[in-house]
N, C-alpha and C. Protein backbone atom coordinates (compact mmCIF):
# COMPACT_ATOMS: atom_id res chain seq x y z
N MET A 1 -24.82 -103.67 -8.68
CA MET A 1 -25.86 -104.59 -8.17
C MET A 1 -25.61 -105.73 -8.19
N ASP A 2 -26.04 -105.70 -6.86
CA ASP A 2 -26.39 -106.98 -5.85
C ASP A 2 -27.42 -107.25 -5.46
N LEU A 3 -28.64 -108.53 -6.88
CA LEU A 3 -29.75 -109.11 -7.07
C LEU A 3 -29.97 -110.72 -6.39
N GLU A 4 -30.38 -110.69 -5.35
CA GLU A 4 -30.79 -111.82 -5.18
C GLU A 4 -31.94 -112.84 -5.69
N ILE A 5 -32.44 -113.41 -6.29
CA ILE A 5 -33.54 -114.35 -6.38
C ILE A 5 -33.78 -114.96 -5.76
N PHE A 6 -35.12 -115.45 -4.93
CA PHE A 6 -35.65 -116.80 -4.46
C PHE A 6 -37.08 -117.15 -5.03
N ASN A 7 -36.51 -117.85 -5.83
CA ASN A 7 -37.67 -118.62 -6.76
C ASN A 7 -37.72 -120.53 -6.25
N ASP A 8 -37.77 -120.73 -4.85
CA ASP A 8 -37.50 -122.01 -4.18
C ASP A 8 -38.28 -123.26 -5.07
N ASP A 9 -39.59 -122.35 -5.65
CA ASP A 9 -40.89 -122.99 -5.91
C ASP A 9 -40.96 -123.10 -7.36
N ASN A 10 -39.97 -122.77 -8.00
CA ASN A 10 -39.53 -122.73 -9.38
C ASN A 10 -40.90 -122.14 -10.22
N LEU A 11 -41.04 -121.11 -9.55
CA LEU A 11 -42.41 -119.94 -10.48
C LEU A 11 -41.95 -119.55 -11.64
N ILE A 12 -40.94 -119.42 -11.55
CA ILE A 12 -40.25 -117.99 -13.15
C ILE A 12 -39.42 -119.16 -13.54
N ASP A 13 -38.94 -119.65 -14.79
CA ASP A 13 -37.79 -120.91 -14.88
C ASP A 13 -36.26 -119.76 -15.13
N LYS A 14 -35.22 -120.39 -15.64
CA LYS A 14 -33.71 -119.72 -15.06
C LYS A 14 -33.58 -118.78 -16.40
N ASN A 15 -34.48 -118.67 -17.51
CA ASN A 15 -34.55 -117.35 -19.01
C ASN A 15 -35.23 -116.64 -18.17
N ARG A 16 -36.76 -116.65 -17.54
CA ARG A 16 -36.87 -115.29 -16.93
C ARG A 16 -36.43 -114.48 -15.72
N GLU A 17 -35.93 -115.65 -15.04
CA GLU A 17 -34.86 -115.32 -14.06
C GLU A 17 -34.15 -114.13 -14.73
N ASN A 18 -33.12 -114.22 -15.89
CA ASN A 18 -31.89 -114.01 -16.65
C ASN A 18 -32.64 -112.53 -16.96
N TRP A 19 -34.24 -112.47 -17.47
CA TRP A 19 -35.00 -111.54 -17.97
C TRP A 19 -34.95 -110.36 -17.15
N VAL A 20 -35.34 -111.14 -15.53
CA VAL A 20 -35.75 -110.90 -14.33
C VAL A 20 -34.43 -109.59 -14.24
N LYS A 21 -33.34 -110.27 -14.06
CA LYS A 21 -32.08 -109.37 -13.53
C LYS A 21 -31.37 -108.27 -14.39
N ASP A 22 -32.24 -108.44 -15.43
CA ASP A 22 -31.75 -107.40 -16.91
C ASP A 22 -32.92 -106.09 -16.81
N ILE A 23 -33.78 -106.93 -16.26
CA ILE A 23 -35.04 -105.46 -16.03
C ILE A 23 -34.46 -104.64 -15.09
N VAL A 24 -33.99 -104.85 -13.29
CA VAL A 24 -33.71 -104.56 -12.65
C VAL A 24 -32.51 -103.85 -12.86
N GLN A 25 -31.17 -104.28 -13.34
CA GLN A 25 -29.94 -103.52 -13.76
C GLN A 25 -31.03 -102.16 -14.49
N PHE A 26 -31.57 -102.34 -15.80
CA PHE A 26 -32.44 -101.54 -16.60
C PHE A 26 -32.86 -100.78 -15.25
N THR A 27 -33.43 -100.75 -14.83
CA THR A 27 -34.18 -100.00 -13.80
C THR A 27 -33.22 -98.93 -13.14
N PHE A 28 -32.45 -99.88 -12.19
CA PHE A 28 -31.37 -99.39 -11.52
C PHE A 28 -30.56 -98.08 -12.64
N ASN A 29 -30.21 -98.53 -13.36
CA ASN A 29 -29.41 -97.28 -14.44
C ASN A 29 -30.14 -96.06 -14.62
N GLN A 30 -31.56 -96.59 -14.78
CA GLN A 30 -32.78 -95.59 -15.42
C GLN A 30 -32.94 -94.72 -14.09
N LEU A 31 -32.78 -95.15 -12.97
CA LEU A 31 -32.93 -94.19 -11.49
C LEU A 31 -30.85 -93.39 -10.88
N GLU A 32 -30.45 -94.16 -11.65
CA GLU A 32 -28.96 -93.88 -11.07
C GLU A 32 -28.54 -94.54 -9.80
N LEU A 33 -28.68 -95.26 -9.55
CA LEU A 33 -28.71 -95.79 -8.21
C LEU A 33 -27.27 -96.41 -8.61
N LYS A 34 -26.63 -96.50 -6.59
CA LYS A 34 -25.06 -96.81 -6.86
C LYS A 34 -24.80 -98.34 -7.57
N GLU A 35 -23.78 -98.67 -8.17
CA GLU A 35 -23.74 -99.76 -8.58
C GLU A 35 -23.60 -101.21 -7.90
N ASN A 36 -23.63 -100.66 -6.48
CA ASN A 36 -23.60 -101.67 -5.11
C ASN A 36 -24.86 -101.71 -4.57
N THR A 37 -25.81 -101.07 -4.97
CA THR A 37 -27.14 -101.64 -4.39
C THR A 37 -27.88 -102.87 -4.69
N GLN A 38 -28.25 -103.26 -3.09
CA GLN A 38 -28.68 -104.40 -2.67
C GLN A 38 -30.40 -104.82 -3.18
N LEU A 39 -30.45 -105.76 -3.90
CA LEU A 39 -32.46 -105.99 -3.80
C LEU A 39 -32.44 -107.64 -3.60
N SER A 40 -33.55 -108.06 -3.24
CA SER A 40 -33.93 -109.37 -2.87
C SER A 40 -35.40 -109.16 -3.57
N ILE A 41 -35.48 -110.18 -4.67
CA ILE A 41 -36.47 -110.69 -5.47
C ILE A 41 -37.45 -112.14 -5.00
N HIS A 42 -38.63 -112.38 -4.00
CA HIS A 42 -38.79 -113.61 -3.99
C HIS A 42 -39.92 -113.30 -4.71
N PHE A 43 -40.30 -114.57 -5.65
CA PHE A 43 -41.30 -115.18 -6.21
C PHE A 43 -42.16 -116.52 -5.14
N VAL A 44 -43.57 -116.24 -5.06
CA VAL A 44 -44.02 -116.57 -4.54
C VAL A 44 -45.49 -117.03 -5.09
N THR A 45 -46.38 -118.21 -4.45
CA THR A 45 -47.59 -118.40 -5.06
C THR A 45 -48.25 -117.64 -3.84
N LYS A 46 -49.59 -117.63 -4.65
CA LYS A 46 -50.80 -116.51 -4.32
C LYS A 46 -50.84 -116.53 -2.60
N ASP A 47 -51.03 -118.30 -2.52
CA ASP A 47 -51.48 -118.24 -0.98
C ASP A 47 -50.04 -117.78 -0.05
N GLY A 48 -48.98 -117.48 -0.29
CA GLY A 48 -47.98 -117.26 -0.58
C GLY A 48 -47.89 -115.56 0.60
N ILE A 49 -48.25 -114.92 -0.61
CA ILE A 49 -48.26 -113.25 -0.96
C ILE A 49 -49.96 -112.88 0.01
N HIS A 50 -50.70 -114.10 0.39
CA HIS A 50 -51.89 -113.65 0.88
C HIS A 50 -51.56 -113.56 2.69
N ASP A 51 -50.27 -115.21 2.34
CA ASP A 51 -50.12 -115.08 4.14
C ASP A 51 -49.49 -113.65 4.46
N ILE A 52 -48.51 -113.05 3.56
CA ILE A 52 -47.20 -112.33 3.94
C ILE A 52 -48.41 -110.77 4.23
N ASN A 53 -48.98 -110.83 3.59
CA ASN A 53 -50.09 -109.16 3.41
C ASN A 53 -50.80 -109.51 4.85
N LYS A 54 -51.37 -110.44 5.22
CA LYS A 54 -52.33 -110.42 6.16
C LYS A 54 -51.08 -110.02 7.89
N GLU A 55 -50.38 -110.92 7.00
CA GLU A 55 -49.61 -111.22 8.83
C GLU A 55 -48.77 -109.65 9.06
N TYR A 56 -48.49 -109.33 7.58
CA TYR A 56 -47.29 -107.60 8.11
C TYR A 56 -47.89 -106.40 7.57
N ARG A 57 -49.35 -106.30 6.71
CA ARG A 57 -49.92 -105.43 6.58
C ARG A 57 -51.41 -105.23 7.07
N ASN A 58 -51.60 -106.76 7.75
CA ASN A 58 -53.16 -106.34 8.32
C ASN A 58 -54.28 -106.88 6.66
N VAL A 59 -53.77 -106.93 5.55
CA VAL A 59 -54.91 -106.93 4.91
C VAL A 59 -55.01 -108.76 4.18
N ASP A 60 -56.24 -109.02 5.00
CA ASP A 60 -57.18 -110.35 4.43
C ASP A 60 -57.14 -110.35 3.05
N ARG A 61 -55.64 -110.15 1.81
CA ARG A 61 -55.72 -110.61 0.45
C ARG A 61 -55.05 -110.93 -0.55
N ALA A 62 -54.69 -111.23 -1.21
CA ALA A 62 -53.57 -111.69 -1.88
C ALA A 62 -53.37 -110.25 -3.05
N THR A 63 -52.06 -110.37 -3.09
CA THR A 63 -51.94 -108.92 -3.88
C THR A 63 -50.65 -108.90 -5.32
N ASP A 64 -50.14 -108.50 -5.47
CA ASP A 64 -49.19 -109.00 -7.24
C ASP A 64 -47.62 -108.77 -5.93
N VAL A 65 -47.63 -107.46 -5.23
CA VAL A 65 -45.96 -107.13 -4.89
C VAL A 65 -46.05 -106.68 -4.28
N ILE A 66 -45.15 -107.08 -2.87
CA ILE A 66 -45.47 -105.89 -1.48
C ILE A 66 -44.10 -105.91 -1.61
N SER A 67 -43.83 -104.87 -1.38
CA SER A 67 -42.35 -104.55 -0.74
C SER A 67 -41.91 -103.81 0.99
N PHE A 68 -40.73 -104.83 0.80
CA PHE A 68 -40.42 -104.60 2.49
C PHE A 68 -39.21 -103.90 2.53
N ALA A 69 -38.52 -102.18 2.73
CA ALA A 69 -38.29 -101.54 1.96
C ALA A 69 -36.94 -101.38 4.11
N ILE A 70 -35.77 -101.15 3.54
CA ILE A 70 -34.76 -101.33 4.42
C ILE A 70 -34.37 -100.14 4.79
N ASN A 71 -34.53 -99.16 4.00
CA ASN A 71 -34.29 -97.92 5.01
C ASN A 71 -35.36 -96.80 4.35
N ASP A 72 -36.54 -97.09 5.75
CA ASP A 72 -37.67 -95.98 5.62
C ASP A 72 -37.55 -94.50 5.56
N GLY A 73 -36.31 -94.34 6.02
CA GLY A 73 -36.26 -92.25 6.58
C GLY A 73 -35.14 -92.36 7.33
N GLU A 74 -34.37 -93.73 7.84
CA GLU A 74 -34.11 -93.52 8.94
C GLU A 74 -32.64 -92.15 8.80
N ASP A 75 -32.67 -91.57 9.68
CA ASP A 75 -31.53 -90.78 10.09
C ASP A 75 -29.96 -91.27 9.53
N SER A 76 -29.96 -92.58 10.55
CA SER A 76 -28.78 -93.48 11.26
C SER A 76 -28.11 -93.71 9.82
N LEU A 77 -28.63 -94.58 9.19
CA LEU A 77 -28.53 -95.34 7.47
C LEU A 77 -28.28 -94.00 6.59
N TYR A 78 -28.68 -93.22 6.74
CA TYR A 78 -28.79 -92.31 5.71
C TYR A 78 -27.09 -91.26 5.90
N TYR A 79 -27.26 -90.64 6.94
CA TYR A 79 -25.56 -90.66 7.63
C TYR A 79 -24.38 -91.79 7.51
N LEU A 80 -24.85 -92.73 7.60
CA LEU A 80 -23.73 -93.67 7.24
C LEU A 80 -23.50 -93.95 6.02
N GLU A 81 -24.48 -94.01 5.29
CA GLU A 81 -24.10 -93.65 3.65
C GLU A 81 -23.65 -92.33 3.31
N ASN A 82 -23.27 -91.46 3.40
CA ASN A 82 -22.92 -90.57 3.34
C ASN A 82 -21.72 -90.72 3.58
N GLN A 83 -21.51 -91.07 4.96
CA GLN A 83 -19.96 -90.99 5.36
C GLN A 83 -18.96 -91.78 5.48
N ILE A 84 -19.39 -93.31 4.62
CA ILE A 84 -18.45 -94.16 3.75
C ILE A 84 -19.46 -94.24 2.49
N PRO A 85 -18.91 -93.75 1.94
CA PRO A 85 -19.79 -93.63 0.11
C PRO A 85 -19.25 -95.09 -0.13
N ASP A 86 -18.80 -96.54 0.33
CA ASP A 86 -18.52 -97.64 -0.53
C ASP A 86 -19.74 -98.18 0.34
N LEU A 87 -20.03 -98.23 1.38
CA LEU A 87 -21.12 -98.64 1.68
C LEU A 87 -22.36 -99.12 0.65
N PRO A 88 -22.45 -100.64 0.51
CA PRO A 88 -23.64 -101.13 0.21
C PRO A 88 -24.71 -100.45 0.41
N VAL A 89 -25.51 -100.28 -0.32
CA VAL A 89 -26.75 -99.87 -0.16
C VAL A 89 -27.99 -100.93 -0.41
N ASP A 90 -28.71 -101.29 1.10
CA ASP A 90 -29.67 -102.49 0.57
C ASP A 90 -30.98 -101.75 0.80
N LEU A 91 -31.74 -101.95 -1.15
CA LEU A 91 -32.68 -101.15 -0.42
C LEU A 91 -34.05 -102.40 0.20
N GLY A 92 -33.77 -103.82 0.31
CA GLY A 92 -34.75 -104.73 0.96
C GLY A 92 -35.25 -105.37 0.08
N ASP A 93 -36.33 -106.01 -0.07
CA ASP A 93 -36.96 -107.02 -0.66
C ASP A 93 -38.60 -106.58 -1.13
N LEU A 94 -38.19 -107.42 -2.13
CA LEU A 94 -40.07 -107.65 -3.15
C LEU A 94 -40.13 -108.35 -3.06
N PHE A 95 -41.65 -109.35 -2.81
CA PHE A 95 -41.93 -110.48 -2.58
C PHE A 95 -43.15 -110.29 -3.96
N ILE A 96 -43.55 -110.87 -4.77
CA ILE A 96 -44.14 -110.92 -6.37
C ILE A 96 -44.82 -112.48 -6.51
N SER A 97 -45.76 -112.32 -6.87
CA SER A 97 -46.55 -113.12 -6.50
C SER A 97 -47.04 -113.28 -8.47
N THR A 98 -46.20 -115.09 -8.87
CA THR A 98 -46.51 -114.81 -10.21
C THR A 98 -47.81 -115.21 -10.92
N GLU A 99 -48.69 -115.76 -10.02
CA GLU A 99 -50.40 -116.25 -10.31
C GLU A 99 -50.89 -114.98 -10.45
N ILE A 100 -50.31 -113.61 -9.31
CA ILE A 100 -51.46 -113.24 -9.37
C ILE A 100 -50.95 -111.53 -10.57
N VAL A 101 -49.65 -112.02 -10.97
CA VAL A 101 -49.19 -110.96 -12.12
C VAL A 101 -50.02 -111.18 -13.81
N ALA A 102 -49.62 -113.06 -13.51
CA ALA A 102 -50.23 -113.57 -14.46
C ALA A 102 -51.94 -113.61 -14.86
N GLU A 103 -52.67 -113.51 -13.74
CA GLU A 103 -53.88 -113.25 -13.62
C GLU A 103 -53.98 -111.54 -13.82
N HIS A 104 -53.50 -110.52 -13.53
CA HIS A 104 -52.95 -108.82 -14.01
C HIS A 104 -53.12 -109.12 -15.60
N ALA A 105 -52.19 -109.89 -15.90
CA ALA A 105 -51.74 -109.72 -17.31
C ALA A 105 -53.30 -110.20 -18.69
N LYS A 106 -53.58 -110.95 -18.08
CA LYS A 106 -54.63 -111.01 -18.54
C LYS A 106 -55.94 -110.70 -18.69
N ASP A 107 -56.07 -109.80 -17.88
CA ASP A 107 -57.34 -109.11 -17.10
C ASP A 107 -56.88 -107.86 -18.21
N TYR A 108 -56.17 -107.30 -17.80
CA TYR A 108 -55.38 -106.05 -18.47
C TYR A 108 -54.54 -105.63 -20.26
N GLU A 109 -55.09 -107.82 -20.12
CA GLU A 109 -54.73 -107.89 -21.97
C GLU A 109 -53.59 -107.60 -22.10
N HIS A 110 -52.55 -107.59 -21.29
CA HIS A 110 -50.58 -107.29 -21.48
C HIS A 110 -50.35 -108.39 -21.30
N SER A 111 -48.93 -108.43 -22.26
CA SER A 111 -48.53 -110.13 -22.06
C SER A 111 -47.92 -110.00 -20.36
N PHE A 112 -47.60 -111.55 -20.03
CA PHE A 112 -47.05 -112.00 -18.93
C PHE A 112 -45.70 -110.80 -18.73
N ASP A 113 -45.09 -110.55 -19.59
CA ASP A 113 -43.14 -110.19 -19.39
C ASP A 113 -43.91 -108.61 -18.87
N ARG A 114 -44.58 -108.07 -19.73
CA ARG A 114 -45.10 -106.43 -19.18
C ARG A 114 -45.64 -105.90 -17.91
N GLU A 115 -46.49 -106.89 -17.60
CA GLU A 115 -47.04 -107.00 -16.14
C GLU A 115 -46.13 -107.67 -15.23
N LEU A 116 -45.15 -108.41 -15.37
CA LEU A 116 -43.69 -108.65 -14.41
C LEU A 116 -43.11 -107.11 -14.51
N GLY A 117 -42.70 -107.18 -15.54
CA GLY A 117 -42.30 -106.08 -15.68
C GLY A 117 -42.57 -105.05 -14.84
N TYR A 118 -43.81 -104.55 -15.17
CA TYR A 118 -44.55 -103.43 -14.31
C TYR A 118 -44.23 -103.77 -12.85
N THR A 119 -44.86 -104.61 -12.35
CA THR A 119 -45.03 -105.18 -11.13
C THR A 119 -42.97 -104.82 -10.33
N ILE A 120 -42.12 -105.51 -11.07
CA ILE A 120 -41.00 -104.87 -10.53
C ILE A 120 -40.17 -103.80 -10.79
N VAL A 121 -40.77 -102.99 -11.64
CA VAL A 121 -40.67 -101.15 -11.95
C VAL A 121 -41.12 -100.83 -10.42
N HIS A 122 -42.43 -101.19 -10.45
CA HIS A 122 -43.29 -100.27 -9.14
C HIS A 122 -42.53 -100.89 -8.11
N GLY A 123 -42.68 -102.13 -7.86
CA GLY A 123 -41.68 -102.04 -6.25
C GLY A 123 -40.64 -101.71 -6.16
N ILE A 124 -39.58 -101.72 -7.05
CA ILE A 124 -38.62 -101.04 -7.06
C ILE A 124 -38.60 -99.15 -6.60
N LEU A 125 -39.46 -98.47 -7.35
CA LEU A 125 -39.60 -97.52 -7.19
C LEU A 125 -40.10 -97.11 -5.86
N HIS A 126 -40.99 -98.20 -4.90
CA HIS A 126 -41.65 -97.85 -3.75
C HIS A 126 -40.10 -98.02 -2.73
N LEU A 127 -39.26 -99.25 -3.37
CA LEU A 127 -38.26 -99.48 -2.21
C LEU A 127 -37.42 -98.23 -2.34
N ASN A 128 -37.25 -96.66 -3.29
CA ASN A 128 -36.55 -95.58 -3.23
C ASN A 128 -37.31 -94.65 -3.08
N GLY A 129 -38.67 -95.31 -2.24
CA GLY A 129 -39.51 -93.86 -1.99
C GLY A 129 -40.44 -93.23 -2.54
N TYR A 130 -40.86 -93.71 -3.59
CA TYR A 130 -41.76 -93.36 -4.24
C TYR A 130 -43.16 -94.45 -3.74
N ASP A 131 -43.65 -93.38 -4.16
CA ASP A 131 -45.24 -93.52 -3.52
C ASP A 131 -46.84 -93.11 -4.39
N HIS A 132 -47.81 -93.48 -4.36
CA HIS A 132 -49.03 -93.12 -5.33
C HIS A 132 -50.66 -93.14 -4.39
N ILE A 133 -50.05 -92.85 -2.97
CA ILE A 133 -51.53 -92.64 -2.16
C ILE A 133 -52.00 -90.77 -1.94
N LYS A 134 -51.03 -90.35 -2.47
CA LYS A 134 -52.05 -88.38 -2.93
C LYS A 134 -51.76 -88.71 -4.27
N LYS A 135 -52.59 -87.96 -4.93
CA LYS A 135 -52.89 -88.10 -6.25
C LYS A 135 -51.49 -87.06 -7.39
N GLU A 136 -50.87 -86.04 -5.99
CA GLU A 136 -49.75 -85.83 -7.23
C GLU A 136 -48.27 -86.79 -7.14
N ASP A 137 -48.43 -87.81 -6.12
CA ASP A 137 -47.12 -88.41 -5.47
C ASP A 137 -47.12 -89.29 -6.97
N GLU A 138 -49.09 -89.67 -6.95
CA GLU A 138 -48.86 -90.81 -7.90
C GLU A 138 -48.50 -90.76 -9.60
N LYS A 139 -48.93 -89.12 -9.64
CA LYS A 139 -48.60 -89.04 -10.73
C LYS A 139 -47.30 -88.71 -11.30
N VAL A 140 -46.20 -88.51 -10.21
CA VAL A 140 -45.14 -89.04 -10.58
C VAL A 140 -44.25 -90.02 -10.46
N MET A 141 -44.92 -90.68 -9.69
CA MET A 141 -44.40 -92.17 -9.78
C MET A 141 -44.75 -92.81 -11.40
N ILE A 142 -45.94 -93.08 -11.83
CA ILE A 142 -46.84 -93.74 -12.53
C ILE A 142 -46.05 -93.01 -13.52
N GLY A 143 -45.52 -91.79 -13.99
CA GLY A 143 -45.36 -91.22 -14.74
C GLY A 143 -43.60 -91.96 -15.24
N LEU A 144 -42.83 -91.70 -13.95
CA LEU A 144 -41.48 -92.98 -14.09
C LEU A 144 -41.17 -94.01 -13.88
N GLN A 145 -42.61 -94.70 -13.44
CA GLN A 145 -42.78 -96.04 -14.18
C GLN A 145 -42.82 -96.65 -15.33
N GLU A 146 -43.82 -96.12 -15.86
CA GLU A 146 -43.67 -95.76 -17.47
C GLU A 146 -42.62 -95.31 -18.14
N LYS A 147 -42.22 -94.75 -18.31
CA LYS A 147 -41.32 -94.20 -18.91
C LYS A 147 -39.97 -95.30 -18.90
N ILE A 148 -40.02 -96.13 -17.47
CA ILE A 148 -38.84 -96.88 -17.42
C ILE A 148 -39.69 -98.23 -18.50
N LEU A 149 -40.45 -98.56 -18.15
CA LEU A 149 -41.37 -99.54 -18.86
C LEU A 149 -41.28 -99.19 -20.78
N GLY A 150 -41.53 -98.10 -20.69
CA GLY A 150 -41.21 -97.69 -22.60
C GLY A 150 -39.79 -97.30 -22.80
N ALA A 151 -38.51 -97.13 -21.91
CA ALA A 151 -37.49 -97.04 -22.23
C ALA A 151 -37.08 -98.36 -22.64
N TYR A 152 -37.24 -99.41 -21.59
CA TYR A 152 -37.09 -100.94 -22.22
C TYR A 152 -37.72 -101.85 -23.10
N GLY A 153 -39.25 -101.30 -23.69
CA GLY A 153 -39.67 -101.81 -24.22
C GLY A 153 -41.04 -102.07 -23.98
N LEU A 154 -41.17 -102.06 -22.56
CA LEU A 154 -42.42 -102.49 -22.66
C LEU A 154 -43.19 -101.53 -22.28
N GLU A 155 -43.67 -100.75 -23.77
CA GLU A 155 -45.16 -99.86 -23.65
C GLU A 155 -46.35 -100.84 -23.42
N LYS A 156 -47.66 -100.18 -23.04
CA LYS A 156 -48.49 -100.62 -22.53
C LYS A 156 -49.53 -101.00 -23.79
């Protein structure tokens, strides 16, 4: 796994950064992703994620996580990955607002770690093509998400 964490405003401490690396690796293992899979996680403020949401999604509000997938079904990338087996797979970027995560933790009566884990796994699933727009897709995605979180020890 090649994980790059951007935490320029020190929104999480070094111990939590290590915990993030651990849950990401655990999720990658659960999804059986290639060892050379790449991901970037950016920890941003509530205002920062609001700006990103408004600019890139045309949604004028803050949210907990925004995912930007590198591979959104492009045939050429799929072809290259199958022709060059050692080619690193770049999933893309997650932008996570720690302030929104803290608000959700309080609202849902979860620990901060449970909510952060939920947000990270949720984002990684989106970057791997899972979605929850249709009810049947939501059932699959949320079921897998809860399975991963439970196996990691972050049950509801």
